[in-house]
N, C-alpha and C. Protein backbone atom coordinates (compact mmCIF):
# COMPACT_ATOMS: atom_id res chain seq x y z
N MET A 1 -48.99 18.88 19.42
CA MET A 1 -49.16 19.74 20.42
C MET A 1 -48.29 19.37 21.58
N LYS A 2 -47.99 17.96 21.45
CA LYS A 2 -47.17 17.88 22.90
C LYS A 2 -45.72 18.05 22.46
N LYS A 3 -45.59 17.85 21.06
CA LYS A 3 -43.97 18.18 20.65
C LYS A 3 -43.72 19.34 20.69
N ASN A 4 -44.42 20.21 20.38
CA ASN A 4 -44.46 21.70 20.62
C ASN A 4 -43.90 21.95 22.16
N ILE A 5 -44.76 21.64 23.11
CA ILE A 5 -44.73 21.81 24.47
C ILE A 5 -43.27 21.28 24.90
N LEU A 6 -43.20 20.10 24.42
CA LEU A 6 -41.78 19.33 24.92
C LEU A 6 -40.39 20.02 24.28
N ALA A 7 -40.41 20.82 22.94
CA ALA A 7 -39.61 21.15 22.31
C ALA A 7 -39.25 22.76 23.25
N ALA A 8 -40.47 23.37 23.38
CA ALA A 8 -40.33 24.56 24.27
C ALA A 8 -39.79 24.53 25.68
N GLY A 9 -40.01 23.18 26.40
CA GLY A 9 -39.42 22.98 27.51
C GLY A 9 -37.98 22.96 27.34
N LEU A 10 -37.42 21.94 26.26
CA LEU A 10 -36.18 21.69 26.12
C LEU A 10 -35.43 22.99 25.89
N VAL A 11 -35.98 23.81 25.02
CA VAL A 11 -35.39 25.03 24.95
C VAL A 11 -35.29 25.70 26.24
N GLY A 12 -36.35 26.03 27.08
CA GLY A 12 -36.08 26.67 28.20
C GLY A 12 -35.11 26.23 29.29
N VAL A 13 -34.90 24.92 29.34
CA VAL A 13 -33.76 24.33 30.06
C VAL A 13 -32.41 24.39 29.50
N LEU A 14 -32.40 24.53 28.24
CA LEU A 14 -31.01 24.82 27.58
C LEU A 14 -30.90 26.41 27.94
N PHE A 15 -31.81 27.02 27.61
CA PHE A 15 -31.29 28.75 27.95
C PHE A 15 -31.23 28.81 29.48
N ALA A 16 -31.79 28.08 30.63
CA ALA A 16 -31.73 28.32 31.78
C ALA A 16 -30.06 27.71 32.21
N ALA A 17 -30.03 26.45 31.59
CA ALA A 17 -28.44 25.95 31.82
C ALA A 17 -27.31 27.08 31.42
N ILE A 18 -27.71 27.37 30.25
CA ILE A 18 -26.73 28.40 29.68
C ILE A 18 -26.58 29.87 30.60
N GLY A 19 -27.56 30.44 30.93
CA GLY A 19 -27.73 31.46 32.11
C GLY A 19 -27.17 31.16 33.37
N VAL A 20 -27.22 29.98 34.07
CA VAL A 20 -26.33 29.53 35.07
C VAL A 20 -25.02 29.28 34.82
N TYR A 21 -24.48 29.14 33.85
CA TYR A 21 -23.22 28.66 33.39
C TYR A 21 -22.63 30.30 33.43
N PHE A 22 -23.27 31.10 32.41
CA PHE A 22 -22.42 32.32 32.22
C PHE A 22 -23.05 33.40 33.70
N GLY A 23 -23.71 33.08 34.14
CA GLY A 23 -24.03 33.74 35.81
C GLY A 23 -22.84 33.33 36.64
N ALA A 24 -22.60 32.13 36.66
CA ALA A 24 -21.54 31.68 37.84
C ALA A 24 -20.20 32.73 37.21
N ARG A 25 -19.86 32.28 35.99
CA ARG A 25 -18.76 32.88 35.52
C ARG A 25 -18.70 34.20 35.89
N HIS A 26 -19.54 34.86 35.52
CA HIS A 26 -19.74 36.40 35.45
C HIS A 26 -19.49 37.11 37.05
N PHE A 27 -19.75 36.29 37.93
CA PHE A 27 -19.75 36.69 39.26
C PHE A 27 -18.59 36.40 40.09
N GLU A 28 -17.59 35.74 39.38
CA GLU A 28 -16.38 35.57 39.87
C GLU A 28 -15.50 36.57 40.10
N PRO A 29 -14.85 36.92 41.09
CA PRO A 29 -13.99 38.04 41.17
C PRO A 29 -12.82 37.89 40.20
N VAL A 30 -12.39 38.93 39.71
CA VAL A 30 -11.23 39.07 38.88
C VAL A 30 -10.01 39.64 39.46
N PRO A 31 -8.64 39.60 38.87
CA PRO A 31 -7.46 40.15 39.56
C PRO A 31 -7.95 41.72 39.32
N PRO A 32 -7.21 42.38 40.52
CA PRO A 32 -7.61 43.91 40.91
C PRO A 32 -6.72 44.24 39.48
N GLN A 33 -7.26 45.81 39.14
CA GLN A 33 -6.55 46.48 38.30
C GLN A 33 -5.36 47.22 39.09
N SER A 34 -4.17 47.50 38.11
CA SER A 34 -2.85 47.81 38.62
C SER A 34 -3.25 49.34 39.41
N GLY A 35 -2.92 49.37 40.56
CA GLY A 35 -3.18 50.81 41.22
C GLY A 35 -4.12 50.83 42.10
N ALA A 36 -5.05 49.62 41.86
CA ALA A 36 -6.50 49.97 42.64
C ALA A 36 -6.34 50.32 44.26
N VAL A 37 -5.24 49.70 45.03
CA VAL A 37 -5.23 49.88 46.39
C VAL A 37 -4.63 51.35 46.60
N ALA A 38 -3.89 51.71 45.59
CA ALA A 38 -3.38 53.30 45.72
C ALA A 38 -4.78 54.10 45.49
N SER A 39 -5.43 54.03 44.62
CA SER A 39 -6.51 54.65 43.98
C SER A 39 -7.64 54.51 45.53
N LEU A 40 -7.74 53.37 46.11
CA LEU A 40 -8.38 53.35 47.56
C LEU A 40 -7.99 54.21 48.37
N LEU A 41 -6.79 54.21 48.89
CA LEU A 41 -6.08 54.73 49.79
C LEU A 41 -6.31 56.44 49.32
N ALA A 42 -6.37 56.53 48.15
CA ALA A 42 -6.20 58.02 47.85
C ALA A 42 -7.68 58.77 47.92
N GLN A 43 -8.64 58.16 48.44
CA GLN A 43 -9.91 58.55 48.39
C GLN A 43 -10.10 59.29 49.92
N SER A 44 -11.08 60.30 49.77
CA SER A 44 -11.64 60.96 51.03
C SER A 44 -12.99 60.59 50.92
N MET A 45 -13.69 60.18 51.99
CA MET A 45 -14.92 59.77 52.16
C MET A 45 -15.55 60.13 53.55
N PRO A 46 -16.65 60.45 53.44
CA PRO A 46 -17.29 60.88 54.70
C PRO A 46 -17.62 59.56 55.49
N ASP A 47 -17.50 59.61 56.79
CA ASP A 47 -17.67 58.54 57.81
C ASP A 47 -19.18 58.38 58.09
N ALA A 48 -19.32 57.62 59.13
CA ALA A 48 -20.92 57.51 59.66
C ALA A 48 -21.34 58.88 59.94
N THR A 49 -20.55 59.72 60.47
CA THR A 49 -20.89 60.99 61.16
C THR A 49 -21.19 62.03 60.39
N GLY A 50 -20.52 61.68 59.15
CA GLY A 50 -20.72 62.96 58.19
C GLY A 50 -19.27 63.67 58.07
N THR A 51 -18.45 63.14 58.68
CA THR A 51 -16.84 63.71 58.81
C THR A 51 -16.09 63.27 57.78
N THR A 52 -15.49 63.95 56.93
CA THR A 52 -14.75 63.53 55.89
C THR A 52 -13.25 62.94 56.15
N GLN A 53 -13.02 61.81 55.89
CA GLN A 53 -11.86 61.25 56.39
C GLN A 53 -10.94 60.76 55.02
N GLN A 54 -9.80 60.89 55.35
CA GLN A 54 -8.55 60.11 54.49
C GLN A 54 -8.35 58.78 54.54
N LEU A 55 -8.48 57.90 53.58
CA LEU A 55 -8.44 56.54 53.81
C LEU A 55 -7.00 56.36 53.78
N SER A 56 -5.93 57.38 53.26
CA SER A 56 -4.71 57.08 53.47
C SER A 56 -4.16 57.15 54.76
N LYS A 57 -4.91 57.52 55.90
CA LYS A 57 -4.53 56.93 57.21
C LYS A 57 -4.40 55.38 57.33
N TRP A 58 -4.73 54.63 56.57
CA TRP A 58 -4.70 53.18 56.78
C TRP A 58 -3.63 52.56 55.89
N LYS A 59 -2.84 53.14 55.38
CA LYS A 59 -1.73 52.95 54.72
C LYS A 59 -0.53 52.31 55.50
N GLY A 60 -0.27 51.13 54.75
CA GLY A 60 0.81 50.47 55.80
C GLY A 60 0.34 49.24 56.86
N ARG A 61 -0.89 49.29 57.11
CA ARG A 61 -1.54 48.38 57.83
C ARG A 61 -2.31 47.25 57.07
N ALA A 62 -2.20 46.38 57.25
CA ALA A 62 -3.38 45.04 56.74
C ALA A 62 -4.69 45.52 57.08
N LEU A 63 -5.51 45.42 55.99
CA LEU A 63 -6.78 45.86 55.90
C LEU A 63 -7.72 44.81 55.22
N VAL A 64 -8.92 44.68 55.85
CA VAL A 64 -10.17 44.06 55.54
C VAL A 64 -11.03 45.11 54.88
N VAL A 65 -11.15 45.11 53.81
CA VAL A 65 -12.34 46.41 53.19
C VAL A 65 -13.70 45.41 52.70
N ASN A 66 -14.50 46.07 53.43
CA ASN A 66 -15.83 45.08 52.98
C ASN A 66 -16.77 46.28 52.54
N PHE A 67 -17.23 45.92 51.09
CA PHE A 67 -18.24 46.67 50.60
C PHE A 67 -19.32 46.12 50.92
N TRP A 68 -20.29 47.05 51.24
CA TRP A 68 -21.69 46.76 51.72
C TRP A 68 -22.77 47.61 51.33
N ALA A 69 -23.97 47.41 51.58
CA ALA A 69 -25.10 48.43 51.62
C ALA A 69 -26.35 48.06 52.79
N THR A 70 -26.88 48.97 53.14
CA THR A 70 -28.10 48.66 53.90
C THR A 70 -29.05 47.80 53.62
N TRP A 71 -29.28 47.90 52.31
CA TRP A 71 -30.47 47.32 51.78
C TRP A 71 -30.02 45.52 51.50
N CYS A 72 -28.79 45.37 51.45
CA CYS A 72 -28.20 43.72 51.32
C CYS A 72 -28.26 43.18 52.49
N ALA A 73 -29.22 42.09 52.13
CA ALA A 73 -29.26 41.20 53.66
C ALA A 73 -27.92 40.41 53.67
N PRO A 74 -27.31 39.79 52.92
CA PRO A 74 -25.99 38.92 53.62
C PRO A 74 -25.13 40.19 54.00
N CYS A 75 -25.03 41.38 53.45
CA CYS A 75 -24.03 42.39 53.99
C CYS A 75 -24.15 42.59 55.53
N VAL A 76 -25.63 42.96 55.77
CA VAL A 76 -25.90 43.21 57.04
C VAL A 76 -25.77 41.94 58.03
N ASP A 77 -26.12 40.87 57.51
CA ASP A 77 -25.76 39.84 58.37
C ASP A 77 -24.62 39.59 58.95
N GLU A 78 -23.56 39.64 58.10
CA GLU A 78 -22.10 39.37 58.45
C GLU A 78 -21.38 40.56 59.08
N MET A 79 -21.96 41.81 59.50
CA MET A 79 -21.50 42.86 60.18
C MET A 79 -21.41 42.76 61.58
N PRO A 80 -22.21 41.99 62.21
CA PRO A 80 -21.88 41.50 63.56
C PRO A 80 -20.38 40.48 63.86
N GLU A 81 -20.65 39.77 62.85
CA GLU A 81 -19.29 38.91 62.84
C GLU A 81 -18.21 39.62 62.85
N LEU A 82 -18.22 40.72 61.60
CA LEU A 82 -17.22 41.33 61.29
C LEU A 82 -16.95 42.31 62.42
N SER A 83 -17.79 42.73 63.09
CA SER A 83 -17.53 43.52 64.50
C SER A 83 -16.71 42.80 65.52
N ALA A 84 -17.16 41.40 65.67
CA ALA A 84 -16.46 40.77 66.61
C ALA A 84 -15.05 40.21 66.32
N LEU A 85 -14.90 40.20 65.13
CA LEU A 85 -13.53 39.89 64.38
C LEU A 85 -12.79 40.88 64.72
N GLN A 86 -12.92 42.37 64.32
CA GLN A 86 -11.89 43.34 64.50
C GLN A 86 -11.98 43.38 65.97
N THR A 87 -12.96 43.16 66.96
CA THR A 87 -12.24 43.42 68.26
C THR A 87 -11.20 42.32 68.65
N SER A 88 -11.17 41.20 67.99
CA SER A 88 -10.33 40.13 68.27
C SER A 88 -8.97 40.43 67.85
N ILE A 89 -8.94 41.15 66.36
CA ILE A 89 -7.68 41.25 65.64
C ILE A 89 -7.03 42.63 65.59
N ALA A 90 -7.48 43.50 66.48
CA ALA A 90 -6.91 44.69 66.79
C ALA A 90 -5.54 44.77 67.25
N SER A 91 -5.31 43.99 68.02
CA SER A 91 -4.11 43.73 68.50
C SER A 91 -2.84 43.27 67.32
N ASP A 92 -3.50 42.66 66.38
CA ASP A 92 -2.42 42.11 65.30
C ASP A 92 -2.36 43.05 64.38
N ASN A 93 -2.71 44.62 64.52
CA ASN A 93 -2.35 45.63 63.69
C ASN A 93 -3.22 45.66 62.27
N ILE A 94 -4.24 44.64 62.56
CA ILE A 94 -5.11 44.70 61.36
C ILE A 94 -6.62 45.41 61.41
N GLN A 95 -6.88 46.30 60.55
CA GLN A 95 -7.96 46.80 60.52
C GLN A 95 -9.16 46.57 59.45
N ILE A 96 -10.44 46.33 60.01
CA ILE A 96 -11.44 46.18 59.28
C ILE A 96 -12.19 47.53 58.70
N ILE A 97 -12.45 47.95 57.61
CA ILE A 97 -12.97 49.07 57.23
C ILE A 97 -14.35 48.70 56.31
N GLY A 98 -15.40 49.38 56.59
CA GLY A 98 -16.63 49.06 55.68
C GLY A 98 -16.86 50.41 54.61
N ILE A 99 -17.05 49.93 53.63
CA ILE A 99 -17.67 51.36 52.56
C ILE A 99 -18.62 50.87 51.94
N GLY A 100 -19.88 51.69 52.44
CA GLY A 100 -20.97 51.52 51.89
C GLY A 100 -21.43 52.21 50.63
N ILE A 101 -22.04 51.38 49.90
CA ILE A 101 -22.55 51.77 48.48
C ILE A 101 -24.01 52.08 48.62
N ASP A 102 -24.26 53.33 49.28
CA ASP A 102 -25.56 53.50 50.00
C ASP A 102 -25.36 55.35 50.16
N SER A 103 -26.57 55.80 50.62
CA SER A 103 -26.75 57.18 50.76
C SER A 103 -25.88 57.35 52.08
N ALA A 104 -25.63 58.68 52.24
CA ALA A 104 -25.09 58.68 53.91
C ALA A 104 -25.93 58.90 54.68
N THR A 105 -27.35 59.23 54.31
CA THR A 105 -28.34 59.04 55.45
C THR A 105 -28.62 57.80 55.80
N ASN A 106 -28.70 56.80 55.02
CA ASN A 106 -28.90 55.59 55.13
C ASN A 106 -27.76 54.50 56.09
N ILE A 107 -26.65 55.24 55.80
CA ILE A 107 -25.35 54.72 56.82
C ILE A 107 -25.37 55.31 57.94
N THR A 108 -25.65 56.47 58.11
CA THR A 108 -25.66 57.17 59.28
C THR A 108 -26.75 56.59 60.27
N GLU A 109 -28.17 56.39 59.78
CA GLU A 109 -29.18 55.91 60.50
C GLU A 109 -28.77 54.35 60.83
N PHE A 110 -28.37 53.58 60.22
CA PHE A 110 -27.62 52.03 60.37
C PHE A 110 -26.68 52.43 61.24
N ALA A 111 -25.57 53.03 61.28
CA ALA A 111 -24.53 52.93 62.33
C ALA A 111 -25.03 53.57 63.66
N SER A 112 -26.00 54.44 63.74
CA SER A 112 -26.41 54.74 65.02
C SER A 112 -27.56 53.74 65.60
N LYS A 113 -28.08 52.86 64.71
CA LYS A 113 -29.05 51.68 65.28
C LYS A 113 -28.18 50.58 65.50
N TYR A 114 -27.02 50.19 65.07
CA TYR A 114 -26.32 49.06 65.17
C TYR A 114 -24.85 49.51 65.65
N LYS A 115 -24.49 48.86 66.74
CA LYS A 115 -22.97 49.13 66.96
C LYS A 115 -21.82 48.39 66.48
N ILE A 116 -21.47 49.02 65.41
CA ILE A 116 -20.47 48.35 64.63
C ILE A 116 -19.04 48.99 65.05
N THR A 117 -17.91 47.85 65.26
CA THR A 117 -16.57 48.53 65.90
C THR A 117 -15.62 48.57 65.22
N TYR A 118 -16.09 48.94 63.82
CA TYR A 118 -15.03 49.42 62.72
C TYR A 118 -15.55 50.45 61.91
N PRO A 119 -14.86 51.25 61.30
CA PRO A 119 -14.97 52.44 60.70
C PRO A 119 -15.92 52.22 59.48
N LEU A 120 -17.24 52.86 59.48
CA LEU A 120 -17.83 52.94 58.01
C LEU A 120 -17.74 54.26 57.17
N TYR A 121 -17.70 53.95 56.23
CA TYR A 121 -17.69 55.00 55.10
C TYR A 121 -18.83 55.20 54.22
N VAL A 122 -19.00 56.24 53.60
CA VAL A 122 -20.06 56.32 52.54
C VAL A 122 -19.26 56.41 51.17
N GLY A 123 -19.30 55.26 50.45
CA GLY A 123 -18.70 55.34 49.36
C GLY A 123 -19.55 55.74 48.20
N GLY A 124 -20.79 55.41 48.20
CA GLY A 124 -21.99 55.77 47.28
C GLY A 124 -21.38 55.06 45.99
N VAL A 125 -21.75 56.02 44.65
CA VAL A 125 -21.48 55.27 43.56
C VAL A 125 -20.17 55.06 43.39
N ASN A 126 -19.27 55.95 43.88
CA ASN A 126 -17.86 55.66 43.43
C ASN A 126 -17.48 54.38 44.25
N GLY A 127 -17.90 54.23 45.17
CA GLY A 127 -17.65 52.99 46.21
C GLY A 127 -17.76 51.76 44.97
N THR A 128 -18.91 51.79 44.17
CA THR A 128 -18.90 50.79 43.53
C THR A 128 -17.71 50.66 42.21
N GLU A 129 -17.36 51.63 41.80
CA GLU A 129 -16.42 51.72 41.08
C GLU A 129 -14.85 51.19 41.68
N LEU A 130 -14.84 51.66 43.01
CA LEU A 130 -13.62 51.20 43.48
C LEU A 130 -13.61 49.73 43.80
N SER A 131 -14.76 49.09 43.79
CA SER A 131 -14.94 47.65 44.30
C SER A 131 -14.67 46.99 42.70
N ARG A 132 -15.18 47.47 41.82
CA ARG A 132 -14.62 47.05 40.49
C ARG A 132 -13.19 47.19 40.09
N GLN A 133 -12.68 48.04 40.65
CA GLN A 133 -11.10 48.15 40.47
C GLN A 133 -10.35 46.90 41.29
N LEU A 134 -10.89 46.79 42.14
CA LEU A 134 -10.39 45.79 43.28
C LEU A 134 -10.75 44.36 42.93
N GLY A 135 -11.57 43.90 41.66
CA GLY A 135 -11.71 42.81 41.36
C GLY A 135 -13.15 42.13 41.20
N ASN A 136 -13.95 43.32 41.36
CA ASN A 136 -15.61 43.22 41.63
C ASN A 136 -16.25 43.63 40.15
N PRO A 137 -16.04 42.79 39.06
CA PRO A 137 -16.41 43.35 37.74
C PRO A 137 -18.03 43.67 37.63
N THR A 138 -19.00 42.65 38.56
CA THR A 138 -20.26 43.07 38.54
C THR A 138 -20.72 44.10 39.48
N GLY A 139 -20.02 44.46 40.42
CA GLY A 139 -20.38 45.26 41.67
C GLY A 139 -21.41 44.64 42.46
N GLY A 140 -21.25 43.26 42.61
CA GLY A 140 -22.16 42.45 43.53
C GLY A 140 -21.55 42.69 44.96
N LEU A 141 -22.49 42.56 45.85
CA LEU A 141 -22.43 42.86 47.22
C LEU A 141 -22.71 41.62 48.17
N PRO A 142 -22.05 41.11 49.41
CA PRO A 142 -20.91 42.05 49.56
C PRO A 142 -19.91 41.64 49.25
N PHE A 143 -18.84 42.44 48.87
CA PHE A 143 -17.43 41.93 48.56
C PHE A 143 -16.41 42.63 49.25
N THR A 144 -15.46 41.62 49.59
CA THR A 144 -14.22 41.99 50.68
C THR A 144 -13.17 41.69 50.00
N VAL A 145 -12.35 42.55 50.36
CA VAL A 145 -10.91 42.64 49.93
C VAL A 145 -9.77 42.71 51.12
N LEU A 146 -8.93 41.57 51.12
CA LEU A 146 -7.93 41.58 52.17
C LEU A 146 -6.38 42.09 51.29
N ILE A 147 -6.27 42.85 52.12
CA ILE A 147 -5.11 43.93 51.68
C ILE A 147 -3.73 43.78 52.53
N GLY A 148 -2.66 43.39 52.34
CA GLY A 148 -1.40 42.90 53.12
C GLY A 148 -0.86 44.60 53.29
N LYS A 149 0.10 44.75 54.48
CA LYS A 149 0.64 45.87 54.93
C LYS A 149 1.53 46.38 53.72
N ASP A 150 1.78 45.54 52.53
CA ASP A 150 2.41 46.02 51.55
C ASP A 150 1.70 46.67 50.53
N GLY A 151 0.60 46.66 50.57
CA GLY A 151 -0.53 47.55 49.79
C GLY A 151 -0.90 46.39 48.76
N ALA A 152 -0.57 45.36 48.78
CA ALA A 152 -1.10 44.33 47.70
C ALA A 152 -2.27 43.78 48.00
N VAL A 153 -3.21 43.37 47.10
CA VAL A 153 -4.26 42.53 47.55
C VAL A 153 -4.06 41.19 47.42
N LYS A 154 -4.36 40.71 48.72
CA LYS A 154 -3.99 39.16 49.07
C LYS A 154 -5.10 38.21 48.56
N LYS A 155 -6.33 38.50 48.54
CA LYS A 155 -7.28 37.68 48.25
C LYS A 155 -8.67 38.62 48.34
N THR A 156 -9.81 38.23 47.34
CA THR A 156 -10.80 38.71 47.51
C THR A 156 -12.15 37.70 47.65
N TYR A 157 -13.42 38.16 48.26
CA TYR A 157 -14.17 37.32 48.61
C TYR A 157 -15.54 38.09 48.10
N LEU A 158 -16.35 37.40 47.40
CA LEU A 158 -17.61 37.81 46.55
C LEU A 158 -18.76 37.25 47.49
N GLY A 159 -19.63 37.70 47.93
CA GLY A 159 -20.86 37.11 48.68
C GLY A 159 -20.60 37.14 50.22
N ARG A 160 -21.48 36.67 50.66
CA ARG A 160 -21.22 36.42 52.40
C ARG A 160 -20.33 35.58 52.94
N LEU A 161 -19.66 36.46 53.56
CA LEU A 161 -18.27 35.71 54.24
C LEU A 161 -18.04 34.32 54.97
N LYS A 162 -17.37 33.70 54.53
CA LYS A 162 -17.09 32.46 55.39
C LYS A 162 -16.09 32.88 56.61
N MET A 163 -16.53 33.19 57.74
CA MET A 163 -15.64 33.79 58.71
C MET A 163 -14.44 32.76 58.74
N GLU A 164 -14.69 31.41 58.92
CA GLU A 164 -13.36 30.69 59.38
C GLU A 164 -12.52 30.87 58.16
N GLU A 165 -12.88 30.84 57.17
CA GLU A 165 -12.01 31.09 56.10
C GLU A 165 -11.14 32.47 55.88
N LEU A 166 -11.91 33.39 56.59
CA LEU A 166 -11.34 34.55 56.63
C LEU A 166 -10.18 34.64 57.72
N ARG A 167 -10.81 34.14 58.84
CA ARG A 167 -9.82 34.23 59.94
C ARG A 167 -8.48 33.23 59.63
N LYS A 168 -8.61 32.23 59.01
CA LYS A 168 -7.44 31.62 58.63
C LYS A 168 -6.52 32.52 57.61
N ASP A 169 -7.13 33.14 56.58
CA ASP A 169 -6.40 33.97 55.83
C ASP A 169 -5.91 34.94 56.48
N LEU A 170 -6.38 35.77 57.56
CA LEU A 170 -5.83 36.69 58.47
C LEU A 170 -4.58 36.10 59.10
N LYS A 171 -4.91 35.00 59.66
CA LYS A 171 -3.92 34.28 60.50
C LYS A 171 -2.44 34.21 59.67
N ARG A 172 -2.77 33.65 58.36
CA ARG A 172 -1.41 33.63 57.32
C ARG A 172 -0.79 34.82 57.11
N LEU A 173 -1.85 35.84 56.98
CA LEU A 173 -1.42 37.17 56.68
C LEU A 173 -0.65 37.93 57.78
N HIS A 174 -1.18 37.55 59.13
CA HIS A 174 -0.37 38.00 60.09
C HIS A 174 1.07 37.45 60.48
N GLU A 175 0.95 36.15 60.09
CA GLU A 175 2.35 35.36 60.42
C GLU A 175 3.50 35.99 59.32
N GLN A 176 2.98 36.14 58.21
CA GLN A 176 3.85 36.75 57.18
C GLN A 176 4.43 38.13 57.20
N GLY A 177 3.68 38.64 58.33
CA GLY A 177 4.25 40.10 59.05
C GLY A 177 3.70 41.04 58.10
């Protein structure tokens, strides 16, 4: 009886270890697909007020594109920091935009409750596909993409942002022109 319990325990530990290994690998960002930024900038999405906006208006600017949802606690936690960051980088011609993987109603209610200093768009299910094209194979949130003025993806971040790392990356991006 003890041998059966021990064997079952070892098998359980083995499968847990395998799950952790593949889970960690599964959540790593991958290189963006060719044309992913062009696909993003070709989109029209409603903003938090319901007005449809062309994302092409951001072409030629350095962008921080943050995929988020109202039900995602780490997403909501980082938004005040992103708002403060937008205020501090506005003069560097760098723009933060948020693409909500959520309903228009939830995003509108969220935007009216919290004062976010950067544009929020309703991406819905299409937003998840855009994030996958940009290097997020699992559709995990939050997912953030740093895009240079040249339209190239410079870096991706999966999970809660480390703001100091993002600030350093933005400083390098600004210095590169």
